[in-house]
Amino acid sequence: MELALPTRSLSVTLQQSRTVASGCVTSAGQIIKTATINFKLCKRDSTKQFHNSKFKFPLVYCNKSGHQIGS
């Protein structure tokens, strides 16, 4: 799971990711590594959609073939 919200601090984002992982015991989840990177280094298409400041929720990610993933 990857959360990319530019207005939130890293610790708040990590706390939110633990909360969002429903069905998982909080102590069982492990976050291996976190980092803030330049948007030009971002490789995941599902994360790149958050770089547009004009986006509206809910965001629906379309894969390369044009099929919607998650709705």
N, C-alpha and C. Protein backbone atom coordinates (compact mmCIF):
# COMPACT_ATOMS: atom_id res chain seq x y z
N MET A 1 0.84 -1.15 0.00
CA MET A 1 0.00 0.00 0.00
C MET A 1 0.89 1.23 0.00
N GLU A 2 0.48 2.16 -0.80
CA GLU A 2 1.28 3.37 -0.87
C GLU A 2 0.35 4.56 -0.76
N LEU A 3 0.61 5.46 0.17
CA LEU A 3 -0.18 6.66 0.33
C LEU A 3 0.68 7.85 -0.01
N ALA A 4 0.18 8.69 -0.87
CA ALA A 4 0.95 9.85 -1.27
C ALA A 4 0.10 11.10 -1.09
N LEU A 5 0.10 11.65 0.08
CA LEU A 5 -0.66 12.85 0.36
C LEU A 5 0.33 13.94 0.76
N PRO A 6 0.55 14.92 -0.13
CA PRO A 6 1.59 15.91 0.12
C PRO A 6 1.34 16.81 1.32
N THR A 7 0.10 16.91 1.80
CA THR A 7 -0.18 17.81 2.91
C THR A 7 0.01 17.14 4.26
N ARG A 8 0.32 15.87 4.29
CA ARG A 8 0.46 15.15 5.55
C ARG A 8 1.92 14.84 5.82
N SER A 9 2.24 14.76 7.10
CA SER A 9 3.60 14.40 7.46
C SER A 9 3.78 12.90 7.29
N LEU A 10 5.01 12.47 7.25
CA LEU A 10 5.32 11.06 7.06
C LEU A 10 4.77 10.21 8.19
N SER A 11 4.87 10.70 9.42
CA SER A 11 4.38 9.91 10.55
C SER A 11 2.86 9.77 10.52
N VAL A 12 2.15 10.81 10.10
CA VAL A 12 0.69 10.73 9.99
C VAL A 12 0.30 9.75 8.89
N THR A 13 1.03 9.78 7.77
CA THR A 13 0.76 8.86 6.67
C THR A 13 1.01 7.42 7.10
N LEU A 14 2.06 7.17 7.85
CA LEU A 14 2.34 5.82 8.34
C LEU A 14 1.25 5.35 9.29
N GLN A 15 0.82 6.23 10.15
CA GLN A 15 -0.25 5.87 11.09
C GLN A 15 -1.53 5.56 10.33
N GLN A 16 -1.82 6.34 9.29
CA GLN A 16 -3.02 6.11 8.49
C GLN A 16 -2.92 4.78 7.75
N SER A 17 -1.74 4.45 7.23
CA SER A 17 -1.58 3.19 6.50
C SER A 17 -1.80 2.00 7.42
N ARG A 18 -1.41 2.12 8.68
CA ARG A 18 -1.67 1.04 9.64
C ARG A 18 -3.15 0.91 9.92
N THR A 19 -3.83 2.04 10.01
CA THR A 19 -5.26 2.04 10.28
C THR A 19 -6.05 1.49 9.10
N VAL A 20 -5.63 1.81 7.89
CA VAL A 20 -6.33 1.39 6.68
C VAL A 20 -6.22 -0.11 6.47
N ALA A 21 -5.14 -0.71 6.93
CA ALA A 21 -4.93 -2.15 6.72
C ALA A 21 -5.89 -2.93 7.62
N SER A 22 -7.15 -2.92 7.25
CA SER A 22 -8.16 -3.59 8.07
C SER A 22 -7.95 -5.10 8.02
N GLY A 23 -8.31 -5.74 9.10
CA GLY A 23 -8.14 -7.18 9.18
C GLY A 23 -6.75 -7.59 9.60
N CYS A 24 -5.91 -6.63 9.86
CA CYS A 24 -4.53 -6.92 10.25
C CYS A 24 -4.31 -6.41 11.67
N VAL A 25 -3.69 -7.20 12.48
CA VAL A 25 -3.35 -6.77 13.83
C VAL A 25 -2.27 -5.70 13.71
N THR A 26 -2.44 -4.59 14.41
CA THR A 26 -1.52 -3.46 14.29
C THR A 26 -0.07 -3.85 14.52
N SER A 27 0.18 -4.68 15.51
CA SER A 27 1.55 -5.07 15.81
C SER A 27 2.11 -6.06 14.80
N ALA A 28 1.26 -6.67 13.98
CA ALA A 28 1.73 -7.65 13.00
C ALA A 28 2.26 -7.00 11.73
N GLY A 29 1.85 -5.77 11.44
CA GLY A 29 2.30 -5.09 10.23
C GLY A 29 3.68 -4.49 10.42
N GLN A 30 4.50 -4.57 9.39
CA GLN A 30 5.84 -3.99 9.46
C GLN A 30 6.05 -3.07 8.28
N ILE A 31 6.57 -1.88 8.55
CA ILE A 31 6.94 -0.94 7.50
C ILE A 31 8.45 -0.99 7.41
N ILE A 32 8.94 -1.48 6.29
CA ILE A 32 10.38 -1.72 6.13
C ILE A 32 11.15 -0.42 5.94
N LYS A 33 10.71 0.41 4.98
CA LYS A 33 11.47 1.61 4.66
C LYS A 33 10.52 2.68 4.14
N THR A 34 10.73 3.91 4.53
CA THR A 34 9.97 5.03 4.00
C THR A 34 10.95 6.09 3.52
N ALA A 35 10.52 6.84 2.54
CA ALA A 35 11.36 7.91 2.02
C ALA A 35 10.49 8.91 1.27
N THR A 36 10.92 10.14 1.26
CA THR A 36 10.28 11.17 0.45
C THR A 36 11.17 11.35 -0.77
N ILE A 37 10.58 11.15 -1.95
CA ILE A 37 11.36 11.23 -3.18
C ILE A 37 10.82 12.34 -4.08
N ASN A 38 11.65 12.77 -5.00
CA ASN A 38 11.26 13.74 -6.00
C ASN A 38 10.22 13.10 -6.91
N PHE A 39 9.22 13.87 -7.35
CA PHE A 39 8.16 13.30 -8.17
C PHE A 39 8.68 12.75 -9.50
N LYS A 40 9.81 13.23 -9.97
CA LYS A 40 10.39 12.72 -11.22
C LYS A 40 10.92 11.30 -11.07
N LEU A 41 11.23 10.89 -9.84
CA LEU A 41 11.74 9.54 -9.59
C LEU A 41 10.63 8.53 -9.34
N CYS A 42 9.40 8.98 -9.26
CA CYS A 42 8.28 8.09 -8.98
C CYS A 42 8.04 7.17 -10.18
N LYS A 43 7.90 5.86 -9.92
CA LYS A 43 7.75 4.89 -10.99
C LYS A 43 6.34 4.30 -11.09
N ARG A 44 5.58 4.35 -10.02
CA ARG A 44 4.27 3.70 -10.01
C ARG A 44 3.20 4.62 -10.60
N ASP A 45 2.51 4.11 -11.63
CA ASP A 45 1.47 4.89 -12.27
C ASP A 45 0.33 5.22 -11.31
N SER A 46 0.04 4.30 -10.40
CA SER A 46 -1.05 4.54 -9.46
C SER A 46 -0.71 5.66 -8.48
N THR A 47 0.57 5.94 -8.28
CA THR A 47 0.98 7.02 -7.39
C THR A 47 1.15 8.33 -8.16
N LYS A 48 1.53 8.24 -9.43
CA LYS A 48 1.74 9.43 -10.24
C LYS A 48 0.48 10.27 -10.38
N GLN A 49 -0.70 9.64 -10.28
CA GLN A 49 -1.94 10.39 -10.42
C GLN A 49 -2.11 11.43 -9.31
N PHE A 50 -1.43 11.24 -8.18
CA PHE A 50 -1.53 12.20 -7.08
C PHE A 50 -0.67 13.44 -7.30
N HIS A 51 0.18 13.45 -8.32
CA HIS A 51 1.05 14.59 -8.59
C HIS A 51 0.29 15.75 -9.22
N ASN A 52 -0.90 15.48 -9.75
CA ASN A 52 -1.72 16.53 -10.35
C ASN A 52 -2.47 17.25 -9.24
N SER A 53 -2.26 18.53 -9.10
CA SER A 53 -2.88 19.29 -8.01
C SER A 53 -4.36 19.55 -8.26
N LYS A 54 -4.86 19.24 -9.46
CA LYS A 54 -6.26 19.50 -9.79
C LYS A 54 -7.12 18.24 -9.70
N PHE A 55 -6.62 17.18 -9.10
CA PHE A 55 -7.40 15.94 -9.05
C PHE A 55 -8.60 16.08 -8.12
N LYS A 56 -9.60 15.23 -8.38
CA LYS A 56 -10.81 15.20 -7.56
C LYS A 56 -11.02 13.78 -7.08
N PHE A 57 -11.57 13.63 -5.89
CA PHE A 57 -11.83 12.30 -5.35
C PHE A 57 -13.21 11.84 -5.75
N PRO A 58 -13.49 10.56 -5.90
CA PRO A 58 -12.53 9.46 -5.77
C PRO A 58 -11.73 9.29 -7.05
N LEU A 59 -10.46 8.96 -6.91
CA LEU A 59 -9.60 8.70 -8.05
C LEU A 59 -9.74 7.25 -8.46
N VAL A 60 -9.82 7.02 -9.75
CA VAL A 60 -9.89 5.66 -10.27
C VAL A 60 -8.67 5.47 -11.15
N TYR A 61 -7.87 4.48 -10.84
CA TYR A 61 -6.65 4.21 -11.58
C TYR A 61 -6.97 3.35 -12.79
N CYS A 62 -6.49 3.73 -13.96
CA CYS A 62 -6.64 2.93 -15.17
C CYS A 62 -5.28 2.35 -15.54
N ASN A 63 -5.25 1.04 -15.79
CA ASN A 63 -3.99 0.42 -16.18
C ASN A 63 -3.69 0.74 -17.63
N LYS A 64 -2.58 0.25 -18.15
CA LYS A 64 -2.13 0.61 -19.49
C LYS A 64 -3.12 0.22 -20.58
N SER A 65 -3.93 -0.82 -20.35
CA SER A 65 -4.90 -1.24 -21.36
C SER A 65 -6.20 -0.45 -21.25
N GLY A 66 -6.29 0.47 -20.29
CA GLY A 66 -7.45 1.32 -20.16
C GLY A 66 -8.54 0.79 -19.25
N HIS A 67 -8.32 -0.35 -18.62
CA HIS A 67 -9.31 -0.91 -17.70
C HIS A 67 -9.18 -0.25 -16.33
N GLN A 68 -10.31 0.06 -15.73
CA GLN A 68 -10.30 0.69 -14.42
C GLN A 68 -9.98 -0.33 -13.34
N ILE A 69 -9.14 0.07 -12.41
CA ILE A 69 -8.78 -0.78 -11.28
C ILE A 69 -9.28 -0.10 -10.02
N GLY A 70 -10.11 -0.76 -9.29
CA GLY A 70 -10.65 -0.17 -8.06
C GLY A 70 -11.65 0.91 -8.38
N SER A 71 -12.78 0.85 -7.78
CA SER A 71 -13.79 1.88 -8.05
C SER A 71 -14.54 2.24 -6.81
